[in-house]
N, C-alpha and C. Protein backbone atom coordinates (compact mmCIF):
# COMPACT_ATOMS: atom_id res chain seq x y z
N MET A 1 101.90 13.32 82.42
CA MET A 1 101.57 14.27 81.57
C MET A 1 100.21 14.39 81.25
N GLY A 2 99.83 15.85 81.81
CA GLY A 2 98.41 16.17 81.80
C GLY A 2 98.13 17.78 81.04
N PHE A 3 96.74 18.07 81.28
CA PHE A 3 96.28 19.29 80.62
C PHE A 3 95.14 19.78 81.52
N GLU A 4 95.07 20.94 81.49
CA GLU A 4 93.93 21.99 82.11
C GLU A 4 93.44 22.73 81.22
N VAL A 5 91.89 22.14 81.17
CA VAL A 5 90.74 23.33 80.16
C VAL A 5 90.38 24.46 81.76
N GLN A 6 90.35 25.50 81.08
CA GLN A 6 89.72 26.64 82.06
C GLN A 6 89.03 27.30 80.95
N GLY A 7 87.77 27.48 81.97
CA GLY A 7 86.62 28.56 81.25
C GLY A 7 85.68 27.73 80.73
N ILE A 8 85.67 26.01 80.59
CA ILE A 8 84.93 25.23 80.43
C ILE A 8 83.48 25.41 81.57
N ASP A 9 83.91 25.29 82.03
CA ASP A 9 82.13 25.46 83.07
C ASP A 9 81.35 27.10 82.66
N ASP A 10 82.31 28.38 82.47
CA ASP A 10 81.31 28.89 81.95
C ASP A 10 80.95 29.23 80.68
N LEU A 11 81.48 28.31 79.94
CA LEU A 11 81.05 28.06 78.45
C LEU A 11 79.85 27.35 78.74
N MET A 12 79.84 25.63 79.50
CA MET A 12 78.61 25.01 79.55
C MET A 12 77.55 25.89 80.25
N LYS A 13 77.83 27.18 80.94
CA LYS A 13 76.95 27.96 81.68
C LYS A 13 76.08 28.65 80.67
N ASP A 14 76.85 29.65 79.92
CA ASP A 14 76.55 29.99 78.62
C ASP A 14 75.59 29.01 77.56
N LEU A 15 76.05 27.64 77.30
CA LEU A 15 75.12 27.15 76.26
C LEU A 15 73.97 26.83 76.81
N GLU A 16 73.99 26.26 78.15
CA GLU A 16 72.41 26.05 79.13
C GLU A 16 71.88 27.20 78.88
N ALA A 17 72.19 28.24 79.07
CA ALA A 17 71.22 29.83 78.94
C ALA A 17 70.55 29.61 77.94
N ILE A 18 71.03 29.28 76.83
CA ILE A 18 70.81 29.49 75.26
C ILE A 18 68.98 28.73 75.14
N ASP A 19 68.28 29.21 75.12
CA ASP A 19 66.94 28.90 74.50
C ASP A 19 66.48 28.67 73.55
N ILE A 20 67.06 27.43 72.79
CA ILE A 20 67.11 26.73 71.38
C ILE A 20 65.87 26.99 71.06
N GLU A 21 64.83 26.56 72.16
CA GLU A 21 63.29 26.16 71.80
C GLU A 21 62.99 27.37 70.90
N LYS A 22 63.50 28.37 71.72
CA LYS A 22 63.03 30.06 71.15
C LYS A 22 63.72 30.12 70.06
N ILE A 23 65.02 30.13 69.94
CA ILE A 23 65.76 30.57 68.60
C ILE A 23 65.47 29.87 67.29
N ALA A 24 65.56 28.53 67.48
CA ALA A 24 65.40 27.54 66.56
C ALA A 24 64.29 27.78 65.18
N PRO A 25 62.81 27.98 65.54
CA PRO A 25 62.03 28.57 64.63
C PRO A 25 62.65 30.00 64.26
N ILE A 26 63.22 30.73 64.85
CA ILE A 26 63.42 32.18 64.07
C ILE A 26 64.88 32.23 63.14
N MET A 27 65.55 31.16 63.41
CA MET A 27 66.26 30.36 62.22
C MET A 27 66.00 30.19 61.45
N LEU A 28 65.20 28.97 61.36
CA LEU A 28 64.06 28.47 60.21
C LEU A 28 64.09 29.07 59.42
N GLY A 29 62.89 30.38 60.07
CA GLY A 29 62.24 31.40 59.55
C GLY A 29 62.72 32.46 58.47
N GLU A 30 64.13 32.66 59.09
CA GLU A 30 65.03 33.91 58.93
C GLU A 30 65.74 33.01 57.10
N ALA A 31 66.35 31.43 57.42
CA ALA A 31 66.82 30.97 56.38
C ALA A 31 65.93 30.21 55.46
N VAL A 32 64.43 29.68 55.52
CA VAL A 32 63.63 29.41 54.62
C VAL A 32 63.84 30.15 53.23
N PRO A 33 63.65 31.76 53.41
CA PRO A 33 63.49 32.24 51.78
C PRO A 33 64.49 31.75 50.96
N ILE A 34 65.92 31.02 51.54
CA ILE A 34 66.81 30.88 50.81
C ILE A 34 66.41 29.37 49.95
N LEU A 35 65.76 28.66 50.69
CA LEU A 35 65.50 27.24 50.15
C LEU A 35 64.73 27.44 49.07
N SER A 36 63.42 28.39 49.31
CA SER A 36 62.15 28.84 48.55
C SER A 36 62.44 29.48 47.27
N LYS A 37 63.81 30.03 47.20
CA LYS A 37 63.84 30.78 46.13
C LYS A 37 64.50 29.77 45.46
N SER A 38 65.56 28.93 45.65
CA SER A 38 66.39 27.89 45.10
C SER A 38 65.49 26.41 43.98
N ILE A 39 64.01 26.21 45.07
CA ILE A 39 63.37 25.52 44.60
C ILE A 39 62.47 25.76 43.85
N ILE A 40 62.01 26.76 43.67
CA ILE A 40 61.67 27.77 42.93
C ILE A 40 62.05 28.06 41.44
N GLN A 41 63.23 28.63 41.70
CA GLN A 41 64.37 29.01 40.38
C GLN A 41 64.25 27.34 39.82
N ARG A 42 64.42 26.36 40.49
CA ARG A 42 64.64 25.00 39.72
C ARG A 42 62.86 24.51 39.19
N THR A 43 62.21 24.72 39.93
CA THR A 43 61.09 24.65 39.44
C THR A 43 60.56 25.21 38.30
N SER A 44 61.12 26.35 37.97
CA SER A 44 60.43 27.14 37.14
C SER A 44 61.29 26.16 35.64
N ARG A 45 62.39 25.88 35.79
CA ARG A 45 62.71 25.23 34.68
C ARG A 45 62.13 24.14 33.65
N HIS A 46 61.33 23.81 34.50
CA HIS A 46 59.69 22.88 34.07
C HIS A 46 58.54 23.44 34.21
N GLU A 47 58.27 24.67 34.23
CA GLU A 47 56.93 24.85 34.07
C GLU A 47 55.98 24.71 32.87
N VAL A 48 55.27 24.30 32.71
CA VAL A 48 54.19 23.98 31.96
C VAL A 48 52.81 24.69 31.82
N THR A 49 52.36 24.74 33.14
CA THR A 49 50.84 25.95 33.21
C THR A 49 51.40 26.86 34.28
N GLY A 50 52.20 26.51 35.19
CA GLY A 50 52.53 27.23 36.30
C GLY A 50 52.06 27.00 37.36
N GLU A 51 50.94 26.21 37.43
CA GLU A 51 50.38 25.97 38.60
C GLU A 51 50.89 25.61 39.81
N MET A 52 51.75 24.45 39.89
CA MET A 52 52.57 23.76 40.51
C MET A 52 53.48 24.98 41.34
N LEU A 53 54.01 25.59 40.27
CA LEU A 53 55.01 26.64 40.52
C LEU A 53 54.51 27.56 41.41
N GLN A 54 53.51 28.10 41.11
CA GLN A 54 52.82 29.29 41.81
C GLN A 54 52.13 28.56 42.85
N SER A 55 51.98 27.27 43.10
CA SER A 55 51.66 26.50 44.52
C SER A 55 52.76 26.49 45.71
N ILE A 56 54.22 26.54 45.13
CA ILE A 56 54.96 26.30 46.41
C ILE A 56 55.18 27.05 47.24
N LYS A 57 55.16 26.78 48.44
CA LYS A 57 54.95 27.41 49.97
C LYS A 57 56.03 26.76 50.48
N ALA A 58 56.15 27.85 51.93
CA ALA A 58 57.22 27.05 53.23
C ALA A 58 55.84 27.20 54.34
N THR A 59 55.76 26.35 54.93
CA THR A 59 54.79 26.00 56.44
C THR A 59 55.86 27.40 57.17
N LYS A 60 54.53 27.35 58.35
CA LYS A 60 55.50 28.24 59.26
C LYS A 60 56.46 26.80 60.30
N PRO A 61 57.42 27.31 61.19
CA PRO A 61 58.01 26.82 61.72
C PRO A 61 57.31 25.51 62.58
N LYS A 62 57.54 24.09 62.88
CA LYS A 62 56.63 23.51 63.56
C LYS A 62 57.62 22.30 64.35
N ARG A 63 57.11 21.86 65.05
CA ARG A 63 58.20 20.92 66.23
C ARG A 63 57.22 19.83 66.49
N ASN A 64 58.34 18.60 66.09
CA ASN A 64 57.98 17.14 66.31
C ASN A 64 58.84 16.60 67.10
N ALA A 65 58.62 15.54 67.11
CA ALA A 65 59.51 14.32 68.18
C ALA A 65 61.16 14.73 67.95
N ILE A 66 61.31 14.67 66.64
CA ILE A 66 63.24 14.75 66.39
C ILE A 66 63.29 16.43 66.73
N GLY A 67 62.54 17.32 66.16
CA GLY A 67 63.12 18.82 66.56
C GLY A 67 62.00 19.99 65.47
N CYS A 68 62.65 21.17 65.37
CA CYS A 68 61.93 22.11 64.63
C CYS A 68 62.03 21.82 63.24
N TYR A 69 61.06 22.21 62.39
CA TYR A 69 61.20 22.23 60.84
C TYR A 69 60.18 22.93 60.51
N ILE A 70 60.86 23.21 58.72
CA ILE A 70 60.27 23.55 58.04
C ILE A 70 60.10 22.79 56.66
N ALA A 71 59.03 22.96 56.02
CA ALA A 71 58.76 22.08 54.60
C ALA A 71 58.26 23.17 53.71
N VAL A 72 59.04 23.13 52.64
CA VAL A 72 58.90 24.00 51.29
C VAL A 72 58.30 23.11 50.01
N ARG A 73 57.10 23.25 49.64
CA ARG A 73 56.20 22.12 48.96
C ARG A 73 55.32 22.35 48.39
N PRO A 74 54.72 22.02 47.10
CA PRO A 74 53.78 22.42 46.48
C PRO A 74 52.39 22.37 47.28
N THR A 75 51.27 23.11 46.97
CA THR A 75 50.32 23.03 47.85
C THR A 75 49.08 22.82 47.04
N GLY A 76 47.95 22.82 47.39
CA GLY A 76 46.55 22.29 46.69
C GLY A 76 46.71 21.76 45.66
N THR A 77 45.49 21.71 44.55
CA THR A 77 45.64 20.80 43.15
C THR A 77 45.26 21.77 42.21
N ASP A 78 45.65 21.04 41.12
CA ASP A 78 45.38 22.20 39.33
C ASP A 78 43.67 22.18 38.89
N LYS A 79 44.02 22.88 38.15
CA LYS A 79 42.35 22.65 37.43
C LYS A 79 41.68 21.35 37.36
N LYS A 80 42.38 20.73 37.03
CA LYS A 80 41.97 19.03 36.65
C LYS A 80 42.09 18.13 38.16
N GLY A 81 42.62 18.75 39.08
CA GLY A 81 41.88 18.08 40.57
C GLY A 81 43.59 17.24 40.74
N VAL A 82 44.64 17.58 39.79
CA VAL A 82 45.94 16.95 40.10
C VAL A 82 46.57 17.35 41.17
N ARG A 83 46.81 16.55 42.16
CA ARG A 83 47.76 17.36 43.60
C ARG A 83 49.06 17.98 42.86
N ASN A 84 49.36 19.19 43.34
CA ASN A 84 50.80 19.40 42.87
C ASN A 84 51.91 18.90 43.47
N MET A 85 51.77 18.72 44.64
CA MET A 85 52.80 17.81 45.26
C MET A 85 52.98 16.54 44.17
N GLU A 86 51.95 15.69 43.76
CA GLU A 86 52.08 14.93 42.93
C GLU A 86 53.27 15.04 41.89
N LYS A 87 52.76 16.55 41.21
CA LYS A 87 53.17 16.66 39.74
C LYS A 87 54.95 16.83 40.54
N MET A 88 54.97 17.09 41.45
CA MET A 88 56.30 17.38 42.10
C MET A 88 57.19 15.94 42.11
N VAL A 89 56.49 15.06 42.95
CA VAL A 89 57.35 14.24 42.69
C VAL A 89 57.35 13.16 41.67
N TYR A 90 56.24 13.09 40.61
CA TYR A 90 56.63 12.90 38.89
C TYR A 90 58.00 13.71 38.40
N LEU A 91 58.01 14.85 38.72
CA LEU A 91 59.29 15.60 38.15
C LEU A 91 60.69 15.23 38.59
N GLU A 92 60.39 14.80 39.97
CA GLU A 92 61.51 14.32 41.11
C GLU A 92 61.85 13.24 40.60
N PHE A 93 61.10 12.19 40.30
CA PHE A 93 61.24 10.55 40.62
C PHE A 93 61.17 9.57 39.00
N GLY A 94 60.38 10.60 38.33
CA GLY A 94 59.98 10.34 36.85
C GLY A 94 58.76 9.23 37.29
N THR A 95 58.04 8.79 36.15
CA THR A 95 57.41 7.76 36.20
C THR A 95 57.59 6.73 35.21
N HIS A 96 56.78 5.90 35.09
CA HIS A 96 57.03 4.85 33.55
C HIS A 96 57.49 5.28 32.60
N ARG A 97 56.33 6.40 32.20
CA ARG A 97 56.95 6.98 30.53
C ARG A 97 57.67 8.31 30.92
N GLN A 98 57.78 8.78 32.02
CA GLN A 98 58.19 10.28 32.01
C GLN A 98 60.10 10.08 32.95
N LYS A 99 60.74 10.90 32.22
CA LYS A 99 62.50 10.74 33.24
C LYS A 99 62.24 11.46 34.18
N ALA A 100 63.22 10.99 35.07
CA ALA A 100 63.20 11.56 36.12
C ALA A 100 63.96 12.90 36.03
N GLN A 101 63.68 14.24 36.18
CA GLN A 101 64.30 15.51 36.27
C GLN A 101 64.28 15.98 37.69
N PRO A 102 64.74 15.67 38.29
CA PRO A 102 65.58 15.95 40.03
C PRO A 102 65.17 17.60 40.18
N VAL A 103 64.41 18.46 40.84
CA VAL A 103 64.28 19.19 41.07
C VAL A 103 64.23 19.36 42.61
N LEU A 104 64.32 19.07 43.65
CA LEU A 104 64.50 19.33 45.09
C LEU A 104 65.93 19.03 45.58
N THR A 105 66.37 17.62 44.86
CA THR A 105 67.45 17.26 45.55
C THR A 105 69.07 18.56 45.15
N PRO A 106 68.62 19.05 43.91
CA PRO A 106 69.58 19.70 43.44
C PRO A 106 69.49 21.31 43.99
N ALA A 107 68.22 21.75 44.14
CA ALA A 107 67.69 22.74 44.95
C ALA A 107 68.33 22.50 46.54
N VAL A 108 68.34 21.77 46.82
CA VAL A 108 68.84 21.77 48.60
C VAL A 108 70.16 21.31 48.52
N LYS A 109 70.74 20.89 47.61
CA LYS A 109 72.25 20.70 47.57
C LYS A 109 72.65 22.64 47.49
N GLU A 110 72.14 22.85 46.36
CA GLU A 110 72.46 24.13 45.96
C GLU A 110 72.08 25.38 47.10
N ALA A 111 71.10 25.03 47.85
CA ALA A 111 71.08 26.35 48.83
C ALA A 111 71.43 25.82 50.07
N GLU A 112 72.05 24.95 50.37
CA GLU A 112 72.65 24.44 51.74
C GLU A 112 73.51 25.26 52.59
N ALA A 113 74.33 25.48 51.62
CA ALA A 113 75.67 26.63 52.22
C ALA A 113 75.35 27.93 53.10
N SER A 114 74.42 28.36 52.38
CA SER A 114 73.47 29.42 52.17
C SER A 114 72.84 29.52 53.75
N VAL A 115 71.92 28.28 53.80
CA VAL A 115 71.18 28.55 54.67
C VAL A 115 71.46 27.83 55.73
N VAL A 116 72.66 27.03 55.91
CA VAL A 116 73.74 27.00 56.93
C VAL A 116 73.96 28.33 57.65
N GLU A 117 74.77 29.12 56.89
CA GLU A 117 75.03 30.37 56.99
C GLU A 117 74.13 31.56 57.50
N LYS A 118 73.20 31.11 56.79
CA LYS A 118 72.16 32.37 57.50
C LYS A 118 71.64 31.49 59.23
N MET A 119 71.48 30.47 59.06
CA MET A 119 71.31 29.90 60.26
C MET A 119 72.28 30.05 61.39
N GLN A 120 73.30 30.15 60.90
CA GLN A 120 74.45 30.15 62.13
C GLN A 120 74.63 31.87 62.22
N GLU A 121 74.22 32.78 61.42
CA GLU A 121 74.51 34.07 61.41
C GLU A 121 72.87 34.75 62.69
N VAL A 122 71.87 33.98 62.61
CA VAL A 122 70.45 34.21 63.38
C VAL A 122 71.03 33.67 64.73
N PHE A 123 71.64 32.24 65.05
CA PHE A 123 71.78 31.86 66.15
C PHE A 123 72.66 32.86 66.83
N GLU A 124 73.79 33.24 66.27
CA GLU A 124 74.74 33.89 66.86
C GLU A 124 73.96 35.13 67.36
N ARG A 125 73.53 35.99 66.66
CA ARG A 125 72.47 37.00 67.01
C ARG A 125 71.52 36.95 68.12
N GLU A 126 71.05 36.04 68.16
CA GLU A 126 69.72 35.96 69.15
C GLU A 126 70.13 34.53 70.43
N ALA A 127 71.27 34.42 70.57
CA ALA A 127 72.19 33.83 71.58
C ALA A 127 73.13 34.65 71.99
N HIS A 128 73.16 35.95 71.59
CA HIS A 128 74.28 37.18 71.80
C HIS A 128 75.70 36.97 71.92
N LEU A 129 75.93 35.91 70.88
CA LEU A 129 77.28 35.30 70.93
C LEU A 129 78.53 36.05 70.56
């Protein structure tokens, strides 16, 4: 007993024609506002001076050996010279004097489904599926 698959060659041809190197940055660029909003909302609950919150920014799409990525993180330093990313790490993981109050982990989990949905929508649009 056997089975026969028809159309697999056409599907493979269609998939090979997709320029993922071009599409991936577009997918990330359109999905990152969802993640940024989630991170900013979660961080705003812990606002003291607002400097770290106001410094949260997304990078432009970049590539490395693993693939295409965007980072959303605090940038710069406050008036005292303390790096805003350092404050985020203290908030996320705590210190010997401060209990951890995770912001990034819940924000990513909260935004994940919407980010994936947006990326799928962009992929289908850009790949003409």
